C-alpha cells in the first residue's frame, strides 16, 4: 500500500494534468452541435473492404492525437478563409503577405497530415511504399514494384 503522502501527491498530479487537458469552455458566440453535419461518404467506404471505417479510425487515435488533427483541420479551414481564394477582391483580406502566409500554412498542413495519418493507421493506409492489405487481398490494387 502506498503511503498517504504519495497517494495525495498522485491525486494532486492527476488533478493538475486534468486541468491542463480540460476542454476549452465554448464562448457564447460559438455555434453548438445544431449546425449541418459533414457528409460521412458511407457509400464510398462501403465499396471497400476496409478494416474499419474512417469514424472508427478516429476513435482508435488517442485524445491528444485527435486534438492535434482536429486543430490542423480547423487551421486549414481558417487559412483557406484568410487566403480568400475564389472570393472577389473586395471580400479578401487586404494584407497580401498575410494571405500568402495563409496559403503556405494551408498547404503545409495538408501536406503534413497525410503522412501523419499513414504512420498512425497503417492497417488503413498500408505500409510505407505499398498498398494496404485490404486493397491487395481484395484485388483492388496490385503490389507495388520494389526498387
N, C-alpha and C. Protein backbone atom coordinates (compact mmCIF):
# COMPACT_ATOMS: atom_id res chain seq x y z
N UNK A 1 0.84 -1.18 0.00
CA UNK A 1 0.00 0.00 0.00
C UNK A 1 0.88 1.23 0.00
N UNK A 2 0.50 2.23 -0.76
CA UNK A 2 1.29 3.45 -0.85
C UNK A 2 1.09 4.32 0.38
N UNK A 3 2.15 5.01 0.82
CA UNK A 3 1.98 5.94 1.93
C UNK A 3 0.99 7.04 1.54
N UNK A 4 0.32 7.63 2.53
CA UNK A 4 -0.71 8.65 2.29
C UNK A 4 -0.16 9.84 1.51
N UNK A 5 1.06 10.26 1.82
CA UNK A 5 1.64 11.40 1.14
C UNK A 5 1.79 11.13 -0.35
N UNK A 6 2.22 9.94 -0.70
CA UNK A 6 2.39 9.58 -2.10
C UNK A 6 1.05 9.56 -2.83
N UNK A 7 0.03 9.00 -2.19
CA UNK A 7 -1.30 8.99 -2.80
C UNK A 7 -1.79 10.41 -3.01
N UNK A 8 -1.61 11.27 -2.02
CA UNK A 8 -2.03 12.68 -2.15
C UNK A 8 -1.28 13.35 -3.29
N UNK A 9 0.00 13.07 -3.38
CA UNK A 9 0.81 13.66 -4.45
C UNK A 9 0.31 13.18 -5.82
N UNK A 10 -0.04 11.89 -5.88
CA UNK A 10 -0.54 11.36 -7.15
C UNK A 10 -1.88 11.99 -7.51
N UNK A 11 -2.76 12.14 -6.55
CA UNK A 11 -4.06 12.75 -6.81
C UNK A 11 -3.87 14.20 -7.26
N UNK A 12 -2.97 14.90 -6.60
CA UNK A 12 -2.70 16.29 -6.99
C UNK A 12 -2.12 16.37 -8.40
N UNK A 13 -1.23 15.43 -8.73
CA UNK A 13 -0.63 15.43 -10.07
C UNK A 13 -1.70 15.13 -11.12
N UNK A 14 -2.58 14.17 -10.83
CA UNK A 14 -3.66 13.85 -11.77
C UNK A 14 -4.61 15.03 -11.93
N UNK A 15 -4.90 15.72 -10.84
CA UNK A 15 -5.79 16.88 -10.92
C UNK A 15 -5.14 17.98 -11.76
N UNK A 16 -3.83 18.16 -11.60
CA UNK A 16 -3.12 19.16 -12.40
C UNK A 16 -3.15 18.78 -13.87
N UNK A 17 -2.91 17.52 -14.16
CA UNK A 17 -2.93 17.05 -15.55
C UNK A 17 -4.32 17.22 -16.15
N UNK A 18 -5.36 16.92 -15.36
CA UNK A 18 -6.73 17.09 -15.85
C UNK A 18 -7.03 18.54 -16.14
N UNK A 19 -6.55 19.42 -15.29
CA UNK A 19 -6.79 20.85 -15.51
C UNK A 19 -6.11 21.33 -16.78
N UNK A 20 -4.91 20.78 -17.06
CA UNK A 20 -4.19 21.18 -18.26
C UNK A 20 -4.88 20.68 -19.52
N UNK A 21 -5.52 19.52 -19.43
CA UNK A 21 -6.14 18.95 -20.62
C UNK A 21 -7.65 19.18 -20.65
N UNK A 22 -8.15 20.00 -19.72
CA UNK A 22 -9.58 20.27 -19.68
C UNK A 22 -10.02 20.97 -20.96
N UNK A 23 -11.20 20.64 -21.45
CA UNK A 23 -11.66 21.28 -22.68
C UNK A 23 -11.89 22.77 -22.47
N UNK A 24 -11.68 23.50 -23.54
CA UNK A 24 -11.93 24.93 -23.51
C UNK A 24 -13.44 25.12 -23.45
N UNK A 25 -13.90 25.99 -22.58
CA UNK A 25 -15.32 26.26 -22.47
C UNK A 25 -15.73 27.10 -23.66
N UNK A 26 -16.77 26.67 -24.34
CA UNK A 26 -17.21 27.36 -25.55
C UNK A 26 -17.71 28.75 -25.23
N UNK A 27 -17.36 29.66 -26.09
CA UNK A 27 -17.84 31.02 -26.00
C UNK A 27 -19.31 31.04 -26.39
N UNK A 28 -20.09 31.94 -25.83
CA UNK A 28 -21.49 32.00 -26.25
C UNK A 28 -21.64 32.41 -27.72
N UNK A 29 -20.53 32.85 -28.33
CA UNK A 29 -20.57 33.25 -29.72
C UNK A 29 -20.31 32.09 -30.68
N UNK A 30 -19.91 30.93 -30.15
CA UNK A 30 -19.67 29.76 -30.99
C UNK A 30 -20.97 29.00 -31.17
N UNK A 31 -21.11 28.38 -32.31
CA UNK A 31 -22.30 27.59 -32.58
C UNK A 31 -22.19 26.25 -31.88
N UNK A 32 -23.32 25.71 -31.57
CA UNK A 32 -23.35 24.41 -30.93
C UNK A 32 -23.41 23.30 -31.94
N UNK A 33 -23.89 22.18 -31.52
CA UNK A 33 -23.96 20.99 -32.36
C UNK A 33 -25.17 21.00 -33.28
N UNK A 34 -25.86 22.14 -33.38
CA UNK A 34 -27.07 22.19 -34.19
C UNK A 34 -26.79 22.59 -35.65
N UNK A 35 -25.51 22.71 -36.02
CA UNK A 35 -25.19 23.06 -37.40
C UNK A 35 -25.24 21.81 -38.27
N UNK A 36 -25.27 22.02 -39.58
CA UNK A 36 -25.36 20.91 -40.52
C UNK A 36 -24.15 19.99 -40.37
N UNK A 37 -24.39 18.70 -40.37
CA UNK A 37 -23.33 17.70 -40.23
C UNK A 37 -22.54 17.55 -41.53
N UNK A 38 -21.29 17.17 -41.38
CA UNK A 38 -20.45 16.87 -42.54
C UNK A 38 -20.89 15.55 -43.15
N UNK A 39 -20.75 15.41 -44.47
CA UNK A 39 -21.12 14.12 -45.07
C UNK A 39 -20.15 13.04 -44.62
N UNK A 40 -20.65 11.82 -44.43
CA UNK A 40 -19.76 10.73 -43.99
C UNK A 40 -19.29 9.86 -45.16
N UNK A 41 -19.87 10.03 -46.34
CA UNK A 41 -19.49 9.29 -47.55
C UNK A 41 -19.51 7.78 -47.32
N UNK A 42 -20.47 7.31 -46.53
CA UNK A 42 -20.58 5.89 -46.19
C UNK A 42 -20.69 5.01 -47.43
N UNK A 43 -21.34 5.51 -48.48
CA UNK A 43 -21.48 4.71 -49.71
C UNK A 43 -20.11 4.38 -50.30
N UNK A 44 -19.21 5.34 -50.32
CA UNK A 44 -17.87 5.10 -50.85
C UNK A 44 -17.12 4.10 -49.98
N UNK A 45 -17.12 4.30 -48.67
CA UNK A 45 -16.36 3.41 -47.77
C UNK A 45 -16.93 2.00 -47.80
N UNK A 46 -18.24 1.86 -48.03
CA UNK A 46 -18.86 0.53 -48.08
C UNK A 46 -18.43 -0.26 -49.31
N UNK A 47 -17.93 0.42 -50.32
CA UNK A 47 -17.47 -0.26 -51.54
C UNK A 47 -16.10 -0.90 -51.35
N UNK A 48 -15.45 -0.64 -50.22
CA UNK A 48 -14.11 -1.15 -49.97
C UNK A 48 -14.11 -2.04 -48.73
N UNK A 49 -13.30 -3.10 -48.74
CA UNK A 49 -13.24 -3.97 -47.56
C UNK A 49 -12.28 -3.40 -46.49
N UNK A 50 -12.58 -2.22 -46.03
CA UNK A 50 -11.73 -1.56 -45.05
C UNK A 50 -11.72 -2.32 -43.72
N UNK A 51 -10.61 -2.26 -42.99
CA UNK A 51 -10.59 -2.93 -41.68
C UNK A 51 -11.45 -2.20 -40.66
N UNK A 52 -11.73 -0.93 -40.90
CA UNK A 52 -12.59 -0.12 -40.05
C UNK A 52 -12.94 1.15 -40.83
N UNK A 53 -14.04 1.77 -40.45
CA UNK A 53 -14.49 2.98 -41.14
C UNK A 53 -13.62 4.17 -40.71
N UNK A 54 -13.66 5.25 -41.46
CA UNK A 54 -12.93 6.44 -41.01
C UNK A 54 -13.38 6.91 -39.62
N UNK A 55 -14.67 6.81 -39.33
CA UNK A 55 -15.14 7.20 -37.99
C UNK A 55 -14.54 6.29 -36.92
N UNK A 56 -14.49 5.00 -37.20
CA UNK A 56 -13.88 4.07 -36.24
C UNK A 56 -12.38 4.33 -36.11
N UNK A 57 -11.73 4.69 -37.22
CA UNK A 57 -10.30 5.01 -37.19
C UNK A 57 -10.04 6.18 -36.25
N UNK A 58 -10.91 7.17 -36.32
CA UNK A 58 -10.78 8.35 -35.45
C UNK A 58 -10.77 7.93 -33.99
N UNK A 59 -11.63 7.01 -33.63
CA UNK A 59 -11.74 6.58 -32.24
C UNK A 59 -10.58 5.69 -31.80
N UNK A 60 -9.80 5.19 -32.75
CA UNK A 60 -8.60 4.43 -32.41
C UNK A 60 -7.45 5.34 -31.99
N UNK A 61 -7.55 6.62 -32.34
CA UNK A 61 -6.49 7.58 -32.02
C UNK A 61 -6.63 8.07 -30.59
N UNK A 62 -5.51 8.42 -30.00
CA UNK A 62 -5.53 8.95 -28.63
C UNK A 62 -6.20 10.32 -28.62
N UNK A 63 -6.73 10.75 -27.48
CA UNK A 63 -7.31 12.09 -27.41
C UNK A 63 -6.32 13.19 -27.81
N UNK A 64 -5.05 13.02 -27.46
CA UNK A 64 -4.05 14.03 -27.83
C UNK A 64 -3.88 14.09 -29.34
N UNK A 65 -3.87 12.93 -29.99
CA UNK A 65 -3.74 12.90 -31.45
C UNK A 65 -5.01 13.44 -32.11
N UNK A 66 -6.17 13.11 -31.56
CA UNK A 66 -7.41 13.67 -32.08
C UNK A 66 -7.38 15.20 -32.00
N UNK A 67 -6.90 15.72 -30.88
CA UNK A 67 -6.81 17.18 -30.72
C UNK A 67 -5.84 17.78 -31.73
N UNK A 68 -4.72 17.12 -31.93
CA UNK A 68 -3.71 17.58 -32.90
C UNK A 68 -4.31 17.64 -34.31
N UNK A 69 -4.97 16.57 -34.72
CA UNK A 69 -5.54 16.51 -36.07
C UNK A 69 -6.72 17.47 -36.20
N UNK A 70 -7.55 17.53 -35.19
CA UNK A 70 -8.67 18.48 -35.21
C UNK A 70 -8.20 19.91 -35.33
N UNK A 71 -7.16 20.27 -34.59
CA UNK A 71 -6.62 21.63 -34.67
C UNK A 71 -6.04 21.89 -36.06
N UNK A 72 -5.41 20.88 -36.66
CA UNK A 72 -4.86 21.04 -38.00
C UNK A 72 -5.98 21.26 -39.02
N UNK A 73 -7.08 20.52 -38.90
CA UNK A 73 -8.21 20.68 -39.83
C UNK A 73 -8.82 22.07 -39.68
N UNK A 74 -9.02 22.51 -38.44
CA UNK A 74 -9.54 23.86 -38.22
C UNK A 74 -8.56 24.89 -38.75
N UNK A 75 -7.26 24.66 -38.55
CA UNK A 75 -6.25 25.57 -39.08
C UNK A 75 -6.28 25.64 -40.60
N UNK A 76 -6.47 24.50 -41.26
CA UNK A 76 -6.55 24.50 -42.73
C UNK A 76 -7.75 25.32 -43.20
N UNK A 77 -8.89 25.13 -42.55
CA UNK A 77 -10.09 25.87 -42.95
C UNK A 77 -9.92 27.36 -42.68
N UNK A 78 -9.32 27.71 -41.55
CA UNK A 78 -9.09 29.12 -41.25
C UNK A 78 -8.10 29.74 -42.23
N UNK A 79 -7.05 29.00 -42.55
CA UNK A 79 -6.07 29.50 -43.51
C UNK A 79 -6.72 29.70 -44.88
N UNK A 80 -7.61 28.79 -45.27
CA UNK A 80 -8.32 28.93 -46.55
C UNK A 80 -9.16 30.20 -46.55
N UNK A 81 -9.82 30.46 -45.43
CA UNK A 81 -10.63 31.67 -45.30
C UNK A 81 -9.77 32.93 -45.42
N UNK A 82 -8.65 32.95 -44.70
CA UNK A 82 -7.76 34.12 -44.73
C UNK A 82 -7.16 34.29 -46.11
N UNK A 83 -6.80 33.20 -46.78
CA UNK A 83 -6.22 33.28 -48.11
C UNK A 83 -7.21 33.91 -49.10
N UNK A 84 -8.48 33.60 -48.95
CA UNK A 84 -9.51 34.25 -49.74
C UNK A 84 -9.61 33.83 -51.19
N UNK A 85 -8.96 32.74 -51.56
CA UNK A 85 -9.03 32.30 -52.95
C UNK A 85 -10.48 32.06 -53.35
N UNK A 86 -10.82 32.49 -54.55
CA UNK A 86 -12.16 32.29 -55.05
C UNK A 86 -13.14 33.37 -54.64
N UNK A 87 -12.70 34.35 -53.86
CA UNK A 87 -13.58 35.44 -53.46
C UNK A 87 -13.24 36.70 -54.24
N UNK A 88 -14.20 37.54 -54.37
CA UNK A 88 -13.99 38.83 -55.03
C UNK A 88 -12.94 39.63 -54.27
N UNK A 89 -12.20 40.48 -54.97
CA UNK A 89 -11.13 41.27 -54.34
C UNK A 89 -11.62 42.04 -53.12
N UNK A 90 -12.80 42.62 -53.20
CA UNK A 90 -13.30 43.43 -52.08
C UNK A 90 -13.67 42.57 -50.86
N UNK A 91 -13.80 41.26 -51.05
CA UNK A 91 -14.13 40.36 -49.94
C UNK A 91 -12.89 39.69 -49.34
N UNK A 92 -11.72 40.03 -49.83
CA UNK A 92 -10.49 39.40 -49.33
C UNK A 92 -9.80 40.28 -48.29
N UNK A 93 -8.96 39.65 -47.51
CA UNK A 93 -8.13 40.40 -46.57
C UNK A 93 -7.22 41.32 -47.37
N UNK A 94 -6.93 42.48 -46.82
CA UNK A 94 -6.13 43.49 -47.54
C UNK A 94 -4.64 43.19 -47.52
N UNK A 95 -4.16 42.45 -46.54
CA UNK A 95 -2.73 42.20 -46.37
C UNK A 95 -2.31 41.01 -47.24
N UNK A 96 -1.67 41.30 -48.36
CA UNK A 96 -1.25 40.24 -49.30
C UNK A 96 -0.23 39.29 -48.66
N UNK A 97 0.65 39.82 -47.83
CA UNK A 97 1.65 38.97 -47.17
C UNK A 97 0.96 37.97 -46.23
N UNK A 98 -0.04 38.46 -45.51
CA UNK A 98 -0.81 37.59 -44.62
C UNK A 98 -1.54 36.51 -45.42
N UNK A 99 -2.14 36.90 -46.53
CA UNK A 99 -2.84 35.94 -47.37
C UNK A 99 -1.87 34.90 -47.92
N UNK A 100 -0.69 35.32 -48.34
CA UNK A 100 0.32 34.38 -48.83
C UNK A 100 0.76 33.41 -47.75
N UNK A 101 0.95 33.92 -46.54
CA UNK A 101 1.34 33.06 -45.41
C UNK A 101 0.21 32.06 -45.10
N UNK A 102 -1.03 32.50 -45.25
CA UNK A 102 -2.16 31.60 -45.00
C UNK A 102 -2.19 30.48 -46.04
N UNK A 103 -1.92 30.81 -47.30
CA UNK A 103 -1.86 29.79 -48.35
C UNK A 103 -0.76 28.79 -48.04
N UNK A 104 0.42 29.29 -47.65
CA UNK A 104 1.54 28.40 -47.30
C UNK A 104 1.17 27.50 -46.12
N UNK A 105 0.49 28.06 -45.13
CA UNK A 105 0.09 27.30 -43.95
C UNK A 105 -0.91 26.22 -44.33
N UNK A 106 -1.89 26.57 -45.15
CA UNK A 106 -2.88 25.59 -45.58
C UNK A 106 -2.20 24.43 -46.30
N UNK A 107 -1.30 24.73 -47.22
CA UNK A 107 -0.60 23.68 -47.96
C UNK A 107 0.31 22.85 -47.04
N UNK A 108 0.98 23.54 -46.12
CA UNK A 108 1.86 22.83 -45.17
C UNK A 108 1.06 21.82 -44.34
N UNK A 109 -0.08 22.26 -43.81
CA UNK A 109 -0.90 21.36 -43.00
C UNK A 109 -1.45 20.20 -43.83
N UNK A 110 -1.93 20.50 -45.02
CA UNK A 110 -2.48 19.45 -45.88
C UNK A 110 -1.41 18.43 -46.25
N UNK A 111 -0.19 18.91 -46.55
CA UNK A 111 0.90 18.00 -46.91
C UNK A 111 1.42 17.22 -45.71
N UNK A 112 1.28 17.74 -44.51
CA UNK A 112 1.78 17.06 -43.32
C UNK A 112 0.78 16.06 -42.76
N UNK A 113 -0.49 16.28 -42.98
CA UNK A 113 -1.50 15.43 -42.34
C UNK A 113 -1.52 14.02 -42.95
N UNK A 114 -1.32 13.91 -44.25
CA UNK A 114 -1.38 12.58 -44.88
C UNK A 114 -0.29 11.65 -44.35
N UNK A 115 0.99 12.04 -44.35
CA UNK A 115 1.99 11.11 -43.78
C UNK A 115 1.76 10.82 -42.30
N UNK A 116 1.22 11.79 -41.57
CA UNK A 116 0.93 11.57 -40.15
C UNK A 116 -0.14 10.49 -40.00
N UNK A 117 -1.20 10.57 -40.80
CA UNK A 117 -2.26 9.57 -40.74
C UNK A 117 -1.76 8.20 -41.20
N UNK A 118 -0.93 8.17 -42.21
CA UNK A 118 -0.37 6.89 -42.69
C UNK A 118 0.43 6.22 -41.58
N UNK A 119 1.20 7.01 -40.85
CA UNK A 119 2.00 6.44 -39.76
C UNK A 119 1.12 5.97 -38.60
N UNK A 120 0.03 6.68 -38.34
CA UNK A 120 -0.85 6.35 -37.23
C UNK A 120 -1.77 5.17 -37.51
N UNK A 121 -2.17 5.00 -38.78
CA UNK A 121 -3.16 3.99 -39.13
C UNK A 121 -2.67 3.10 -40.28
N UNK A 122 -1.60 2.32 -40.05
CA UNK A 122 -1.05 1.51 -41.14
C UNK A 122 -2.01 0.46 -41.67
N UNK A 123 -2.96 -0.03 -40.85
CA UNK A 123 -3.93 -1.01 -41.34
C UNK A 123 -4.88 -0.39 -42.36
N UNK A 124 -5.10 0.89 -42.25
CA UNK A 124 -5.99 1.59 -43.16
C UNK A 124 -5.25 2.05 -44.42
N UNK A 125 -4.05 2.58 -44.24
CA UNK A 125 -3.31 3.18 -45.36
C UNK A 125 -2.22 2.29 -45.93
N UNK A 126 -1.82 1.27 -45.21
CA UNK A 126 -0.78 0.38 -45.70
C UNK A 126 0.60 0.79 -45.23
N UNK A 127 1.56 -0.12 -45.40
CA UNK A 127 2.94 0.20 -45.01
C UNK A 127 3.53 1.21 -45.99
N UNK A 128 4.54 1.88 -45.55
CA UNK A 128 5.19 2.87 -46.40
C UNK A 128 5.68 2.18 -47.67
N UNK A 129 5.26 2.70 -48.80
CA UNK A 129 5.73 2.16 -50.08
C UNK A 129 4.87 1.08 -50.68
N UNK A 130 3.73 0.73 -50.08
CA UNK A 130 2.86 -0.28 -50.67
C UNK A 130 1.42 0.00 -50.30
N UNK A 131 0.52 -0.70 -50.98
CA UNK A 131 -0.90 -0.58 -50.69
C UNK A 131 -1.22 -1.35 -49.41
N UNK A 132 -2.34 -1.03 -48.76
CA UNK A 132 -2.71 -1.76 -47.55
C UNK A 132 -3.17 -3.18 -47.88
N UNK A 133 -3.12 -4.06 -46.89
CA UNK A 133 -3.50 -5.46 -47.07
C UNK A 133 -4.93 -5.60 -47.59
N UNK A 134 -5.86 -4.78 -47.10
CA UNK A 134 -7.25 -4.91 -47.55
C UNK A 134 -7.38 -4.66 -49.05
N UNK A 135 -6.56 -3.76 -49.60
CA UNK A 135 -6.62 -3.47 -51.04
C UNK A 135 -5.93 -4.58 -51.84
N UNK A 136 -4.83 -5.12 -51.32
CA UNK A 136 -4.11 -6.20 -52.01
C UNK A 136 -4.92 -7.49 -51.96
N UNK A 137 -5.43 -7.84 -50.78
CA UNK A 137 -6.16 -9.10 -50.61
C UNK A 137 -7.45 -9.15 -51.42
N UNK A 138 -8.06 -8.00 -51.61
CA UNK A 138 -9.33 -7.95 -52.36
C UNK A 138 -9.11 -7.83 -53.86
N UNK A 139 -7.86 -7.63 -54.28
CA UNK A 139 -7.58 -7.45 -55.70
C UNK A 139 -7.86 -6.05 -56.20
N UNK A 140 -8.13 -5.12 -55.30
CA UNK A 140 -8.42 -3.74 -55.70
C UNK A 140 -7.16 -3.00 -56.13
N UNK A 141 -6.00 -3.50 -55.71
CA UNK A 141 -4.72 -2.88 -56.07
C UNK A 141 -3.68 -3.96 -56.21
N UNK A 142 -2.68 -3.70 -57.02
CA UNK A 142 -1.56 -4.63 -57.19
C UNK A 142 -0.40 -4.21 -56.31
N UNK A 143 0.36 -5.18 -55.87
CA UNK A 143 1.55 -4.88 -55.08
C UNK A 143 2.46 -3.98 -55.90
N UNK A 144 2.96 -2.96 -55.26
CA UNK A 144 3.85 -2.01 -55.95
C UNK A 144 5.23 -2.64 -56.16
N UNK A 145 5.86 -2.37 -57.29
CA UNK A 145 7.20 -2.93 -57.51
C UNK A 145 8.20 -2.34 -56.52
N UNK A 146 9.13 -3.16 -56.08
CA UNK A 146 10.17 -2.69 -55.18
C UNK A 146 11.37 -2.24 -56.01
N UNK A 147 12.06 -1.26 -55.49
CA UNK A 147 13.21 -0.72 -56.24
C UNK A 147 14.40 -1.61 -56.16
